[in-house]
Every structure is written in structure tokens, then in C-alpha cells.
Amino acid sequence: MVTKQAAALGGDPYQADCPTRRILDRIGDRWTVLIVSILGDGDARFSELRRRIEGVSQKMLTQTLRGLERDGLVRRTVHPEVPVRVEYALTEAGRTLLGPLRALQQWSIDHLSDVSASQDAYDKRLAPRHHGT
């Protein structure tokens, strides 16, 4: 339920046209969760992020970092060296996400076996339906 205060500020994610939905899309994205968590440990270069986050494509990492920078959650710093060095860091706003996102990560680790067992049970219940019965 959205508080009266949130509604007064113009934020109601239950409304289709509310900008908070875009924010929720950004912070709920798996790549965002992983990037913010890594940057919570300190600044990182693009290549380090790509190496540490298995499965992320260069394109998705670039898009996610640009979105996080646009939203004011990540700062991109270009160091005028040869070769040029670019580092990413969390802004103060980005740091406020560390607790909630790490809590989600921990929840997924803590409940992995329960969720997997539920998925297996669900899939077994549905298996006969998928074979024409």
C-alpha cells in the first residue's frame, strides 16, 4: 500500500504512468543488483565488472551502467592516462541501495533449496498436462 506521503509527492508505483515504475525496473534488474553489490566493495573498471559477473554481455553491462549513471546511482570517472582508464563507483544515492539489494541477494541464497523444491513439485504436478492428459 502506498502511503499518503508518497502519493502526495507524486509517487505511486501502482499507477501505470508513475515514474517510480521505471525506478523499480532499474533497481529490480538482476544486472543492477550484481553491479551495485560489486561497486559496494569499491570502484571497479568495466573489465573487472564483466569478469566478475558471469553471463552478462558487453552490451547489457554497458546499457545497465549507463542507466545507473543516468539515474544518479553510479559515477563514471575517466582518468586521462595512456591508455585511458575508466572507473565506476556508487554515488551516495547508489550506496543507499546496498542494504536492500544485499538483503535480496541473501534471501535468494537462504531460500534457494526451498524455492528449488517448490519448482520441482510444481513442475511434477504439471507434467501430465503437458503430455496431452
N, C-alpha and C. Protein backbone atom coordinates (compact mmCIF):
# COMPACT_ATOMS: atom_id res chain seq x y z
N MET A 1 0.85 -1.18 0.00
CA MET A 1 0.00 0.00 0.00
C MET A 1 0.89 1.24 0.00
N VAL A 2 0.55 2.19 -0.84
CA VAL A 2 1.32 3.43 -0.94
C VAL A 2 0.84 4.38 0.15
N THR A 3 1.79 4.99 0.84
CA THR A 3 1.42 5.92 1.91
C THR A 3 0.86 7.21 1.31
N LYS A 4 0.15 7.94 2.13
CA LYS A 4 -0.38 9.23 1.68
C LYS A 4 0.75 10.18 1.32
N GLN A 5 1.85 10.07 2.08
CA GLN A 5 3.01 10.93 1.82
C GLN A 5 3.58 10.65 0.43
N ALA A 6 3.73 9.36 0.07
CA ALA A 6 4.26 9.01 -1.26
C ALA A 6 3.33 9.51 -2.35
N ALA A 7 2.05 9.33 -2.16
CA ALA A 7 1.08 9.80 -3.15
C ALA A 7 1.14 11.32 -3.29
N ALA A 8 1.30 12.03 -2.15
CA ALA A 8 1.39 13.49 -2.18
C ALA A 8 2.62 13.95 -2.95
N LEU A 9 3.69 13.18 -2.90
CA LEU A 9 4.91 13.52 -3.62
C LEU A 9 4.83 13.13 -5.09
N GLY A 10 3.75 12.51 -5.48
CA GLY A 10 3.59 12.12 -6.88
C GLY A 10 4.11 10.73 -7.17
N GLY A 11 4.44 9.96 -6.16
CA GLY A 11 4.95 8.61 -6.37
C GLY A 11 3.95 7.56 -5.96
N ASP A 12 3.43 6.84 -6.94
CA ASP A 12 2.51 5.74 -6.67
C ASP A 12 2.77 4.65 -7.71
N PRO A 13 3.64 3.68 -7.39
CA PRO A 13 4.02 2.67 -8.37
C PRO A 13 2.88 1.79 -8.84
N TYR A 14 1.73 1.87 -8.18
CA TYR A 14 0.57 1.09 -8.63
C TYR A 14 -0.15 1.77 -9.78
N GLN A 15 0.21 3.01 -10.06
CA GLN A 15 -0.34 3.73 -11.20
C GLN A 15 0.52 3.47 -12.43
N ALA A 16 -0.09 3.14 -13.54
CA ALA A 16 0.63 2.72 -14.75
C ALA A 16 1.63 3.76 -15.25
N ASP A 17 1.31 5.03 -15.11
CA ASP A 17 2.17 6.07 -15.67
C ASP A 17 3.14 6.68 -14.65
N CYS A 18 3.24 6.08 -13.48
CA CYS A 18 4.10 6.65 -12.44
C CYS A 18 5.57 6.39 -12.73
N PRO A 19 6.41 7.42 -12.66
CA PRO A 19 7.85 7.26 -12.91
C PRO A 19 8.54 6.30 -11.94
N THR A 20 7.93 6.06 -10.77
CA THR A 20 8.55 5.12 -9.83
C THR A 20 8.64 3.72 -10.44
N ARG A 21 7.80 3.41 -11.39
CA ARG A 21 7.89 2.09 -12.04
C ARG A 21 9.21 1.93 -12.78
N ARG A 22 9.67 2.99 -13.41
CA ARG A 22 10.98 2.92 -14.10
C ARG A 22 12.10 2.73 -13.10
N ILE A 23 11.97 3.38 -11.95
CA ILE A 23 12.99 3.21 -10.91
C ILE A 23 12.97 1.77 -10.40
N LEU A 24 11.79 1.23 -10.17
CA LEU A 24 11.69 -0.16 -9.72
C LEU A 24 12.24 -1.12 -10.77
N ASP A 25 11.98 -0.83 -12.04
CA ASP A 25 12.55 -1.66 -13.11
C ASP A 25 14.07 -1.64 -13.04
N ARG A 26 14.64 -0.48 -12.82
CA ARG A 26 16.10 -0.35 -12.76
C ARG A 26 16.66 -1.11 -11.57
N ILE A 27 16.14 -0.85 -10.38
CA ILE A 27 16.75 -1.45 -9.19
C ILE A 27 16.37 -2.91 -9.01
N GLY A 28 15.34 -3.37 -9.70
CA GLY A 28 14.94 -4.77 -9.61
C GLY A 28 15.61 -5.65 -10.65
N ASP A 29 16.37 -5.05 -11.53
CA ASP A 29 17.05 -5.79 -12.59
C ASP A 29 18.22 -6.59 -12.01
N ARG A 30 18.39 -7.83 -12.47
CA ARG A 30 19.44 -8.67 -11.91
C ARG A 30 20.83 -8.09 -12.12
N TRP A 31 21.06 -7.45 -13.26
CA TRP A 31 22.40 -6.88 -13.51
C TRP A 31 22.66 -5.73 -12.56
N THR A 32 21.63 -4.91 -12.29
CA THR A 32 21.77 -3.82 -11.34
C THR A 32 22.14 -4.35 -9.97
N VAL A 33 21.45 -5.38 -9.52
CA VAL A 33 21.72 -5.95 -8.20
C VAL A 33 23.18 -6.37 -8.10
N LEU A 34 23.68 -7.04 -9.13
CA LEU A 34 25.06 -7.54 -9.09
C LEU A 34 26.08 -6.41 -9.21
N ILE A 35 25.83 -5.46 -10.09
CA ILE A 35 26.75 -4.33 -10.26
C ILE A 35 26.84 -3.51 -8.99
N VAL A 36 25.70 -3.16 -8.41
CA VAL A 36 25.69 -2.36 -7.18
C VAL A 36 26.41 -3.10 -6.06
N SER A 37 26.21 -4.39 -5.98
CA SER A 37 26.88 -5.17 -4.94
C SER A 37 28.40 -5.14 -5.10
N ILE A 38 28.87 -5.32 -6.31
CA ILE A 38 30.31 -5.27 -6.56
C ILE A 38 30.87 -3.88 -6.26
N LEU A 39 30.18 -2.84 -6.74
CA LEU A 39 30.66 -1.48 -6.50
C LEU A 39 30.56 -1.08 -5.03
N GLY A 40 29.77 -1.81 -4.26
CA GLY A 40 29.71 -1.58 -2.82
C GLY A 40 31.03 -1.91 -2.14
N ASP A 41 31.83 -2.74 -2.80
CA ASP A 41 33.15 -3.09 -2.28
C ASP A 41 34.23 -2.12 -2.73
N GLY A 42 33.90 -1.20 -3.64
CA GLY A 42 34.87 -0.22 -4.12
C GLY A 42 34.75 -0.01 -5.62
N ASP A 43 35.46 0.98 -6.10
CA ASP A 43 35.44 1.31 -7.52
C ASP A 43 35.88 0.10 -8.36
N ALA A 44 35.37 0.04 -9.59
CA ALA A 44 35.75 -1.06 -10.47
C ALA A 44 35.75 -0.57 -11.91
N ARG A 45 36.63 -1.18 -12.69
CA ARG A 45 36.67 -0.92 -14.12
C ARG A 45 35.68 -1.83 -14.82
N PHE A 46 35.32 -1.45 -16.05
CA PHE A 46 34.37 -2.21 -16.84
C PHE A 46 34.81 -3.67 -16.96
N SER A 47 36.09 -3.88 -17.27
CA SER A 47 36.58 -5.24 -17.48
C SER A 47 36.47 -6.08 -16.21
N GLU A 48 36.66 -5.45 -15.05
CA GLU A 48 36.53 -6.18 -13.79
C GLU A 48 35.07 -6.58 -13.55
N LEU A 49 34.16 -5.64 -13.81
CA LEU A 49 32.74 -5.95 -13.66
C LEU A 49 32.34 -7.10 -14.59
N ARG A 50 32.79 -7.03 -15.81
CA ARG A 50 32.45 -8.07 -16.80
C ARG A 50 33.02 -9.42 -16.38
N ARG A 51 34.21 -9.42 -15.85
CA ARG A 51 34.85 -10.67 -15.41
C ARG A 51 34.12 -11.27 -14.21
N ARG A 52 33.70 -10.43 -13.29
CA ARG A 52 33.08 -10.93 -12.06
C ARG A 52 31.63 -11.34 -12.22
N ILE A 53 30.94 -10.77 -13.22
CA ILE A 53 29.53 -11.08 -13.42
C ILE A 53 29.40 -12.05 -14.60
N GLU A 54 29.44 -13.32 -14.30
CA GLU A 54 29.35 -14.32 -15.36
C GLU A 54 28.00 -14.21 -16.07
N GLY A 55 28.06 -14.29 -17.38
CA GLY A 55 26.83 -14.30 -18.17
C GLY A 55 26.36 -12.96 -18.67
N VAL A 56 26.92 -11.87 -18.18
CA VAL A 56 26.48 -10.55 -18.66
C VAL A 56 27.23 -10.25 -19.96
N SER A 57 26.49 -9.80 -20.95
CA SER A 57 27.12 -9.43 -22.21
C SER A 57 27.70 -8.03 -22.10
N GLN A 58 28.60 -7.71 -22.99
CA GLN A 58 29.17 -6.36 -23.01
C GLN A 58 28.07 -5.34 -23.21
N LYS A 59 27.14 -5.64 -24.10
CA LYS A 59 26.04 -4.72 -24.40
C LYS A 59 25.17 -4.48 -23.16
N MET A 60 24.80 -5.55 -22.44
CA MET A 60 23.95 -5.39 -21.26
C MET A 60 24.68 -4.66 -20.14
N LEU A 61 25.96 -4.95 -19.97
CA LEU A 61 26.73 -4.26 -18.94
C LEU A 61 26.81 -2.77 -19.26
N THR A 62 27.09 -2.46 -20.51
CA THR A 62 27.15 -1.06 -20.94
C THR A 62 25.81 -0.36 -20.72
N GLN A 63 24.72 -0.99 -21.15
CA GLN A 63 23.38 -0.39 -21.00
C GLN A 63 23.03 -0.18 -19.53
N THR A 64 23.34 -1.17 -18.72
CA THR A 64 22.99 -1.07 -17.29
C THR A 64 23.81 0.02 -16.61
N LEU A 65 25.11 0.07 -16.90
CA LEU A 65 25.95 1.12 -16.31
C LEU A 65 25.48 2.51 -16.75
N ARG A 66 25.14 2.65 -18.01
CA ARG A 66 24.64 3.96 -18.50
C ARG A 66 23.35 4.34 -17.79
N GLY A 67 22.45 3.38 -17.63
CA GLY A 67 21.20 3.65 -16.93
C GLY A 67 21.43 4.03 -15.48
N LEU A 68 22.34 3.31 -14.81
CA LEU A 68 22.64 3.63 -13.42
C LEU A 68 23.30 5.00 -13.29
N GLU A 69 24.12 5.35 -14.27
CA GLU A 69 24.74 6.68 -14.27
C GLU A 69 23.68 7.75 -14.49
N ARG A 70 22.80 7.51 -15.45
CA ARG A 70 21.73 8.47 -15.75
C ARG A 70 20.83 8.69 -14.54
N ASP A 71 20.58 7.61 -13.79
CA ASP A 71 19.71 7.69 -12.62
C ASP A 71 20.41 8.24 -11.39
N GLY A 72 21.71 8.53 -11.51
CA GLY A 72 22.44 9.12 -10.40
C GLY A 72 22.88 8.11 -9.35
N LEU A 73 22.95 6.84 -9.73
CA LEU A 73 23.33 5.80 -8.78
C LEU A 73 24.79 5.38 -8.92
N VAL A 74 25.35 5.62 -10.11
CA VAL A 74 26.75 5.27 -10.39
C VAL A 74 27.43 6.49 -11.00
N ARG A 75 28.69 6.68 -10.63
CA ARG A 75 29.51 7.75 -11.20
C ARG A 75 30.59 7.11 -12.07
N ARG A 76 30.74 7.64 -13.26
CA ARG A 76 31.76 7.17 -14.21
C ARG A 76 32.87 8.20 -14.22
N THR A 77 34.11 7.75 -13.97
CA THR A 77 35.25 8.65 -13.94
C THR A 77 36.26 8.21 -14.98
N VAL A 78 36.62 9.14 -15.86
CA VAL A 78 37.63 8.88 -16.89
C VAL A 78 38.94 9.47 -16.41
N HIS A 79 39.96 8.64 -16.29
CA HIS A 79 41.29 9.08 -15.88
C HIS A 79 42.13 9.30 -17.14
N PRO A 80 42.64 10.52 -17.34
CA PRO A 80 43.40 10.83 -18.56
C PRO A 80 44.80 10.23 -18.54
N GLU A 81 44.84 8.94 -18.75
CA GLU A 81 46.11 8.22 -18.79
C GLU A 81 46.22 7.57 -20.15
N VAL A 82 47.35 6.98 -20.41
CA VAL A 82 47.53 6.22 -21.65
C VAL A 82 47.86 4.79 -21.25
N PRO A 83 46.97 3.85 -21.54
CA PRO A 83 45.64 4.05 -22.12
C PRO A 83 44.68 4.66 -21.10
N VAL A 84 43.59 5.22 -21.61
CA VAL A 84 42.59 5.85 -20.76
C VAL A 84 42.02 4.80 -19.80
N ARG A 85 41.85 5.20 -18.55
CA ARG A 85 41.28 4.30 -17.54
C ARG A 85 39.94 4.87 -17.10
N VAL A 86 38.91 4.02 -17.15
CA VAL A 86 37.56 4.41 -16.75
C VAL A 86 37.15 3.56 -15.56
N GLU A 87 36.69 4.23 -14.49
CA GLU A 87 36.24 3.52 -13.31
C GLU A 87 34.81 3.91 -12.98
N TYR A 88 34.12 2.96 -12.36
CA TYR A 88 32.74 3.17 -11.93
C TYR A 88 32.70 3.07 -10.42
N ALA A 89 31.87 3.93 -9.81
CA ALA A 89 31.72 3.95 -8.36
C ALA A 89 30.27 4.28 -8.03
N LEU A 90 29.83 3.84 -6.87
CA LEU A 90 28.50 4.20 -6.41
C LEU A 90 28.48 5.65 -5.94
N THR A 91 27.41 6.33 -6.22
CA THR A 91 27.18 7.66 -5.66
C THR A 91 26.59 7.47 -4.26
N GLU A 92 26.36 8.55 -3.55
CA GLU A 92 25.71 8.44 -2.24
C GLU A 92 24.33 7.79 -2.38
N ALA A 93 23.60 8.18 -3.42
CA ALA A 93 22.28 7.57 -3.65
C ALA A 93 22.43 6.08 -3.94
N GLY A 94 23.43 5.71 -4.71
CA GLY A 94 23.68 4.31 -5.01
C GLY A 94 24.02 3.51 -3.76
N ARG A 95 24.75 4.14 -2.84
CA ARG A 95 25.12 3.45 -1.60
C ARG A 95 23.89 3.11 -0.75
N THR A 96 22.84 3.93 -0.88
CA THR A 96 21.63 3.65 -0.10
C THR A 96 20.93 2.38 -0.57
N LEU A 97 21.27 1.91 -1.75
CA LEU A 97 20.68 0.67 -2.28
C LEU A 97 21.39 -0.58 -1.77
N LEU A 98 22.59 -0.43 -1.25
CA LEU A 98 23.38 -1.61 -0.84
C LEU A 98 22.63 -2.51 0.13
N GLY A 99 22.08 -1.95 1.17
CA GLY A 99 21.37 -2.76 2.17
C GLY A 99 20.21 -3.55 1.59
N PRO A 100 19.27 -2.86 0.94
CA PRO A 100 18.13 -3.59 0.37
C PRO A 100 18.53 -4.63 -0.69
N LEU A 101 19.46 -4.29 -1.55
CA LEU A 101 19.83 -5.23 -2.61
C LEU A 101 20.62 -6.41 -2.06
N ARG A 102 21.48 -6.17 -1.10
CA ARG A 102 22.21 -7.28 -0.48
C ARG A 102 21.26 -8.17 0.31
N ALA A 103 20.23 -7.58 0.89
CA ALA A 103 19.22 -8.38 1.60
C ALA A 103 18.50 -9.30 0.61
N LEU A 104 18.19 -8.79 -0.58
CA LEU A 104 17.55 -9.64 -1.60
C LEU A 104 18.48 -10.76 -2.05
N GLN A 105 19.75 -10.43 -2.23
CA GLN A 105 20.72 -11.46 -2.60
C GLN A 105 20.79 -12.53 -1.53
N GLN A 106 20.87 -12.13 -0.28
CA GLN A 106 20.97 -13.09 0.82
C GLN A 106 19.71 -13.93 0.92
N TRP A 107 18.56 -13.30 0.71
CA TRP A 107 17.30 -14.05 0.73
C TRP A 107 17.32 -15.14 -0.33
N SER A 108 17.80 -14.80 -1.54
CA SER A 108 17.83 -15.78 -2.62
C SER A 108 18.76 -16.94 -2.28
N ILE A 109 19.85 -16.66 -1.58
CA ILE A 109 20.78 -17.72 -1.16
C ILE A 109 20.14 -18.57 -0.05
N ASP A 110 19.56 -17.89 0.93
CA ASP A 110 18.97 -18.59 2.06
C ASP A 110 17.78 -19.49 1.66
N HIS A 111 17.05 -19.10 0.64
CA HIS A 111 15.83 -19.81 0.26
C HIS A 111 15.96 -20.61 -1.04
N LEU A 112 17.17 -20.74 -1.53
CA LEU A 112 17.40 -21.46 -2.78
C LEU A 112 16.84 -22.87 -2.75
N SER A 113 17.13 -23.63 -1.72
CA SER A 113 16.67 -25.02 -1.69
C SER A 113 15.15 -25.11 -1.58
N ASP A 114 14.52 -24.21 -0.80
CA ASP A 114 13.06 -24.21 -0.69
C ASP A 114 12.40 -23.87 -2.02
N VAL A 115 12.92 -22.86 -2.68
CA VAL A 115 12.36 -22.46 -3.96
C VAL A 115 12.56 -23.56 -5.00
N SER A 116 13.74 -24.15 -5.03
CA SER A 116 14.01 -25.24 -5.98
C SER A 116 13.07 -26.42 -5.74
N ALA A 117 12.86 -26.77 -4.48
CA ALA A 117 11.94 -27.88 -4.16
C ALA A 117 10.52 -27.55 -4.60
N SER A 118 10.09 -26.31 -4.39
CA SER A 118 8.76 -25.90 -4.82
C SER A 118 8.63 -25.94 -6.33
N GLN A 119 9.66 -25.50 -7.04
CA GLN A 119 9.64 -25.54 -8.50
C GLN A 119 9.55 -26.97 -9.01
N ASP A 120 10.34 -27.87 -8.41
CA ASP A 120 10.29 -29.28 -8.81
C ASP A 120 8.91 -29.87 -8.58
N ALA A 121 8.31 -29.60 -7.42
CA ALA A 121 6.99 -30.12 -7.10
C ALA A 121 5.95 -29.56 -8.07
N TYR A 122 6.03 -28.30 -8.36
CA TYR A 122 5.09 -27.66 -9.29
C TYR A 122 5.22 -28.28 -10.68
N ASP A 123 6.46 -28.43 -11.14
CA ASP A 123 6.70 -28.99 -12.47
C ASP A 123 6.19 -30.42 -12.56
N LYS A 124 6.34 -31.21 -11.50
CA LYS A 124 5.85 -32.60 -11.49
C LYS A 124 4.33 -32.64 -11.55
N ARG A 125 3.68 -31.70 -10.86
CA ARG A 125 2.21 -31.64 -10.92
C ARG A 125 1.72 -31.29 -12.30
N LEU A 126 2.46 -30.46 -13.01
CA LEU A 126 2.03 -30.02 -14.34
C LEU A 126 2.46 -30.97 -15.46
N ALA A 127 3.41 -31.83 -15.19
CA ALA A 127 3.98 -32.71 -16.23
C ALA A 127 2.90 -33.48 -16.99
N PRO A 128 1.89 -34.10 -16.34
CA PRO A 128 0.88 -34.85 -17.11
C PRO A 128 0.09 -33.95 -18.06
N ARG A 129 -0.15 -32.70 -17.67
CA ARG A 129 -0.90 -31.76 -18.52
C ARG A 129 -0.15 -31.45 -19.80
N HIS A 130 1.15 -31.44 -19.74
CA HIS A 130 1.94 -31.10 -20.91
C HIS A 130 2.12 -32.28 -21.86
N HIS A 131 1.68 -33.46 -21.44
CA HIS A 131 1.80 -34.64 -22.30
C HIS A 131 0.45 -35.07 -22.83
N GLY A 132 -0.48 -34.14 -22.89
CA GLY A 132 -1.77 -34.41 -23.51
C GLY A 132 -2.80 -35.07 -22.62
N THR A 133 -2.59 -35.15 -21.32
CA THR A 133 -3.59 -35.73 -20.43
C THR A 133 -4.25 -34.68 -19.59
